[in-house]
Amino acid sequence: MCVVSRRGDPIAGQVFIEVDHLDGTVSLFTPAPIVSRQDNAAALVFQCRFSRVESQKVRERIAREVEFDPDLWVLSLDMRGDDIGIDVVK
């Protein structure tokens, strides 16, 4: 299941993706820096900020980011696997 758990600015807002792995752990994906993107700078590319950590750690990170950038969007997914179908830089 995927829900928009926080709505930001439709034009300027960054997108964070929070993944609940349904085993007590959560991962957080945030936009990757422009320099790490390959040939298509306009594509949405993410980096894994936290991988399978306790949910409180992810919630705190999102709260700090919202204080800095109130335009932030957060998409929340519930899934057991690790492949969420997005481009992730390593």
N, C-alpha and C. Protein backbone atom coordinates (compact mmCIF):
# COMPACT_ATOMS: atom_id res chain seq x y z
N MET A 1 0.84 -1.17 0.00
CA MET A 1 0.00 0.00 0.00
C MET A 1 0.89 1.24 0.00
N CYS A 2 0.46 2.27 -0.69
CA CYS A 2 1.18 3.54 -0.75
C CYS A 2 0.20 4.68 -0.48
N VAL A 3 0.60 5.59 0.41
CA VAL A 3 -0.22 6.77 0.70
C VAL A 3 0.67 8.00 0.73
N VAL A 4 0.06 9.14 0.45
CA VAL A 4 0.75 10.41 0.64
C VAL A 4 0.52 10.78 2.10
N SER A 5 1.57 10.66 2.91
CA SER A 5 1.41 10.94 4.33
C SER A 5 1.68 12.39 4.68
N ARG A 6 2.29 13.11 3.74
CA ARG A 6 2.49 14.55 3.93
C ARG A 6 2.49 15.23 2.58
N ARG A 7 1.64 16.23 2.43
CA ARG A 7 1.57 16.99 1.18
C ARG A 7 2.44 18.23 1.29
N GLY A 8 3.22 18.45 0.24
CA GLY A 8 4.06 19.63 0.19
C GLY A 8 3.64 20.52 -0.97
N ASP A 9 4.53 21.37 -1.38
CA ASP A 9 4.27 22.26 -2.50
C ASP A 9 4.27 21.45 -3.79
N PRO A 10 3.24 21.59 -4.64
CA PRO A 10 3.15 20.78 -5.86
C PRO A 10 4.23 21.09 -6.89
N ILE A 11 4.88 22.22 -6.77
CA ILE A 11 5.91 22.59 -7.76
C ILE A 11 7.31 22.46 -7.17
N ALA A 12 7.51 22.96 -5.97
CA ALA A 12 8.86 23.05 -5.42
C ALA A 12 9.20 22.00 -4.38
N GLY A 13 8.25 21.18 -3.98
CA GLY A 13 8.50 20.26 -2.89
C GLY A 13 9.34 19.05 -3.26
N GLN A 14 10.31 18.71 -2.39
CA GLN A 14 11.06 17.47 -2.55
C GLN A 14 10.18 16.31 -2.11
N VAL A 15 10.58 15.10 -2.52
CA VAL A 15 9.83 13.89 -2.18
C VAL A 15 10.72 12.96 -1.37
N PHE A 16 10.25 12.57 -0.19
CA PHE A 16 10.89 11.53 0.61
C PHE A 16 10.00 10.30 0.52
N ILE A 17 10.61 9.14 0.51
CA ILE A 17 9.86 7.89 0.48
C ILE A 17 10.21 7.08 1.73
N GLU A 18 9.19 6.81 2.51
CA GLU A 18 9.33 6.06 3.75
C GLU A 18 8.75 4.67 3.51
N VAL A 19 9.54 3.63 3.80
CA VAL A 19 9.10 2.25 3.55
C VAL A 19 9.02 1.49 4.86
N ASP A 20 7.81 1.06 5.22
CA ASP A 20 7.62 0.20 6.39
C ASP A 20 7.72 -1.24 5.88
N HIS A 21 8.72 -1.97 6.36
CA HIS A 21 8.96 -3.33 5.87
C HIS A 21 8.08 -4.37 6.57
N LEU A 22 7.19 -3.92 7.44
CA LEU A 22 6.23 -4.79 8.14
C LEU A 22 6.90 -5.84 9.01
N ASP A 23 8.13 -5.53 9.44
CA ASP A 23 8.84 -6.43 10.35
C ASP A 23 9.44 -5.64 11.52
N GLY A 24 8.92 -4.41 11.71
CA GLY A 24 9.43 -3.56 12.77
C GLY A 24 10.52 -2.61 12.32
N THR A 25 10.89 -2.65 11.04
CA THR A 25 11.93 -1.76 10.53
C THR A 25 11.37 -0.87 9.43
N VAL A 26 12.05 0.27 9.24
CA VAL A 26 11.63 1.27 8.25
C VAL A 26 12.87 1.74 7.51
N SER A 27 12.71 2.04 6.21
CA SER A 27 13.79 2.63 5.42
C SER A 27 13.33 4.00 4.94
N LEU A 28 14.29 4.88 4.66
CA LEU A 28 13.97 6.22 4.17
C LEU A 28 14.83 6.51 2.95
N PHE A 29 14.17 6.92 1.87
CA PHE A 29 14.84 7.31 0.64
C PHE A 29 14.61 8.80 0.42
N THR A 30 15.69 9.51 0.12
CA THR A 30 15.63 10.95 -0.09
C THR A 30 16.22 11.27 -1.46
N PRO A 31 15.91 12.44 -2.02
CA PRO A 31 16.46 12.78 -3.33
C PRO A 31 17.99 12.74 -3.32
N ALA A 32 18.55 12.18 -4.37
CA ALA A 32 20.00 12.11 -4.50
C ALA A 32 20.52 13.46 -4.98
N PRO A 33 21.74 13.80 -4.58
CA PRO A 33 22.34 15.04 -5.09
C PRO A 33 22.44 15.01 -6.61
N ILE A 34 22.31 16.16 -7.22
CA ILE A 34 22.37 16.27 -8.68
C ILE A 34 23.64 15.65 -9.25
N VAL A 35 24.78 15.83 -8.58
CA VAL A 35 26.05 15.34 -9.11
C VAL A 35 26.12 13.83 -9.21
N SER A 36 25.27 13.11 -8.46
CA SER A 36 25.32 11.65 -8.51
C SER A 36 24.40 11.07 -9.57
N ARG A 37 23.66 11.92 -10.25
CA ARG A 37 22.77 11.44 -11.30
C ARG A 37 23.54 11.26 -12.59
N GLN A 38 23.14 10.30 -13.36
CA GLN A 38 23.87 9.97 -14.59
C GLN A 38 23.53 10.94 -15.72
N ASP A 39 22.95 10.45 -16.78
CA ASP A 39 22.74 11.24 -17.99
C ASP A 39 21.47 12.07 -17.98
N ASN A 40 20.49 11.75 -17.16
CA ASN A 40 19.22 12.46 -17.17
C ASN A 40 19.03 13.20 -15.85
N ALA A 41 19.47 14.44 -15.79
CA ALA A 41 19.42 15.22 -14.55
C ALA A 41 18.00 15.53 -14.11
N ALA A 42 17.03 15.40 -15.00
CA ALA A 42 15.64 15.70 -14.64
C ALA A 42 14.94 14.50 -14.00
N ALA A 43 15.51 13.32 -14.11
CA ALA A 43 14.88 12.12 -13.56
C ALA A 43 14.91 12.14 -12.04
N LEU A 44 13.92 11.51 -11.43
CA LEU A 44 13.91 11.37 -9.98
C LEU A 44 14.82 10.23 -9.59
N VAL A 45 15.87 10.54 -8.86
CA VAL A 45 16.84 9.55 -8.40
C VAL A 45 16.98 9.74 -6.89
N PHE A 46 17.00 8.63 -6.18
CA PHE A 46 17.01 8.69 -4.72
C PHE A 46 18.28 8.05 -4.15
N GLN A 47 18.52 8.35 -2.89
CA GLN A 47 19.58 7.69 -2.13
C GLN A 47 18.92 7.10 -0.89
N CYS A 48 19.47 6.00 -0.41
CA CYS A 48 18.95 5.40 0.81
C CYS A 48 19.58 6.10 2.00
N ARG A 49 18.78 6.85 2.73
CA ARG A 49 19.27 7.60 3.89
C ARG A 49 19.35 6.68 5.12
N PHE A 50 18.30 5.87 5.33
CA PHE A 50 18.28 4.88 6.41
C PHE A 50 17.75 3.58 5.85
N SER A 51 18.39 2.49 6.21
CA SER A 51 17.95 1.18 5.74
C SER A 51 17.60 0.29 6.93
N ARG A 52 16.33 -0.05 7.00
CA ARG A 52 15.82 -0.97 8.02
C ARG A 52 16.23 -0.58 9.44
N VAL A 53 15.79 0.60 9.83
CA VAL A 53 16.04 1.10 11.19
C VAL A 53 14.70 1.19 11.92
N GLU A 54 14.76 1.54 13.20
CA GLU A 54 13.51 1.71 13.95
C GLU A 54 12.76 2.93 13.42
N SER A 55 11.45 2.88 13.46
CA SER A 55 10.62 3.93 12.86
C SER A 55 10.84 5.31 13.48
N GLN A 56 11.16 5.36 14.76
CA GLN A 56 11.38 6.65 15.43
C GLN A 56 12.51 7.44 14.76
N LYS A 57 13.55 6.76 14.35
CA LYS A 57 14.69 7.42 13.71
C LYS A 57 14.26 8.10 12.40
N VAL A 58 13.43 7.44 11.63
CA VAL A 58 12.93 8.00 10.37
C VAL A 58 11.98 9.15 10.65
N ARG A 59 11.08 9.00 11.61
CA ARG A 59 10.14 10.08 11.94
C ARG A 59 10.88 11.33 12.39
N GLU A 60 11.93 11.15 13.20
CA GLU A 60 12.72 12.31 13.65
C GLU A 60 13.40 13.00 12.48
N ARG A 61 13.94 12.23 11.55
CA ARG A 61 14.61 12.82 10.39
C ARG A 61 13.62 13.61 9.54
N ILE A 62 12.44 13.06 9.31
CA ILE A 62 11.42 13.75 8.52
C ILE A 62 10.99 15.03 9.24
N ALA A 63 10.79 14.98 10.54
CA ALA A 63 10.39 16.16 11.31
C ALA A 63 11.44 17.27 11.21
N ARG A 64 12.72 16.91 11.31
CA ARG A 64 13.78 17.92 11.17
C ARG A 64 13.78 18.52 9.76
N GLU A 65 13.55 17.69 8.77
CA GLU A 65 13.54 18.19 7.39
C GLU A 65 12.36 19.11 7.14
N VAL A 66 11.20 18.81 7.72
CA VAL A 66 10.01 19.65 7.55
C VAL A 66 10.23 21.02 8.18
N GLU A 67 10.96 21.08 9.29
CA GLU A 67 11.29 22.37 9.90
C GLU A 67 12.11 23.23 8.93
N PHE A 68 13.00 22.58 8.21
CA PHE A 68 13.87 23.26 7.26
C PHE A 68 13.16 23.53 5.93
N ASP A 69 12.36 22.57 5.46
CA ASP A 69 11.70 22.66 4.16
C ASP A 69 10.23 22.27 4.29
N PRO A 70 9.34 23.22 4.58
CA PRO A 70 7.92 22.90 4.77
C PRO A 70 7.21 22.46 3.49
N ASP A 71 7.89 22.55 2.34
CA ASP A 71 7.30 22.12 1.07
C ASP A 71 7.43 20.62 0.83
N LEU A 72 8.05 19.89 1.76
CA LEU A 72 8.38 18.48 1.61
C LEU A 72 7.14 17.59 1.47
N TRP A 73 7.23 16.64 0.55
CA TRP A 73 6.23 15.58 0.39
C TRP A 73 6.79 14.31 1.02
N VAL A 74 5.94 13.49 1.61
CA VAL A 74 6.35 12.18 2.11
C VAL A 74 5.37 11.13 1.59
N LEU A 75 5.92 10.15 0.88
CA LEU A 75 5.14 9.00 0.43
C LEU A 75 5.48 7.84 1.36
N SER A 76 4.46 7.16 1.85
CA SER A 76 4.68 6.05 2.78
C SER A 76 4.19 4.76 2.13
N LEU A 77 5.09 3.77 2.11
CA LEU A 77 4.79 2.46 1.52
C LEU A 77 4.86 1.39 2.59
N ASP A 78 3.98 0.41 2.50
CA ASP A 78 4.07 -0.80 3.32
C ASP A 78 4.42 -1.94 2.38
N MET A 79 5.58 -2.57 2.61
CA MET A 79 5.96 -3.71 1.78
C MET A 79 7.05 -4.52 2.47
N ARG A 80 7.07 -5.79 2.20
CA ARG A 80 8.02 -6.67 2.86
C ARG A 80 9.38 -6.68 2.17
N GLY A 81 9.45 -6.49 0.88
CA GLY A 81 10.71 -6.57 0.15
C GLY A 81 11.51 -5.29 0.19
N ASP A 82 12.64 -5.31 -0.50
CA ASP A 82 13.52 -4.14 -0.56
C ASP A 82 13.44 -3.39 -1.88
N ASP A 83 12.90 -4.00 -2.93
CA ASP A 83 12.84 -3.36 -4.24
C ASP A 83 11.54 -2.56 -4.35
N ILE A 84 11.67 -1.24 -4.18
CA ILE A 84 10.46 -0.40 -4.22
C ILE A 84 10.22 0.20 -5.59
N GLY A 85 11.07 -0.13 -6.55
CA GLY A 85 10.83 0.29 -7.92
C GLY A 85 11.24 1.71 -8.25
N ILE A 86 12.26 2.22 -7.57
CA ILE A 86 12.76 3.56 -7.87
C ILE A 86 14.25 3.47 -8.20
N ASP A 87 14.78 4.50 -8.85
CA ASP A 87 16.20 4.56 -9.12
C ASP A 87 16.93 5.02 -7.86
N VAL A 88 17.90 4.22 -7.41
CA VAL A 88 18.64 4.52 -6.19
C VAL A 88 20.13 4.52 -6.54
N VAL A 89 20.82 5.62 -6.20
CA VAL A 89 22.26 5.67 -6.40
C VAL A 89 22.94 4.95 -5.25
N LYS A 90 24.11 4.47 -5.53
CA LYS A 90 24.85 3.73 -4.49
C LYS A 90 25.98 4.55 -3.96
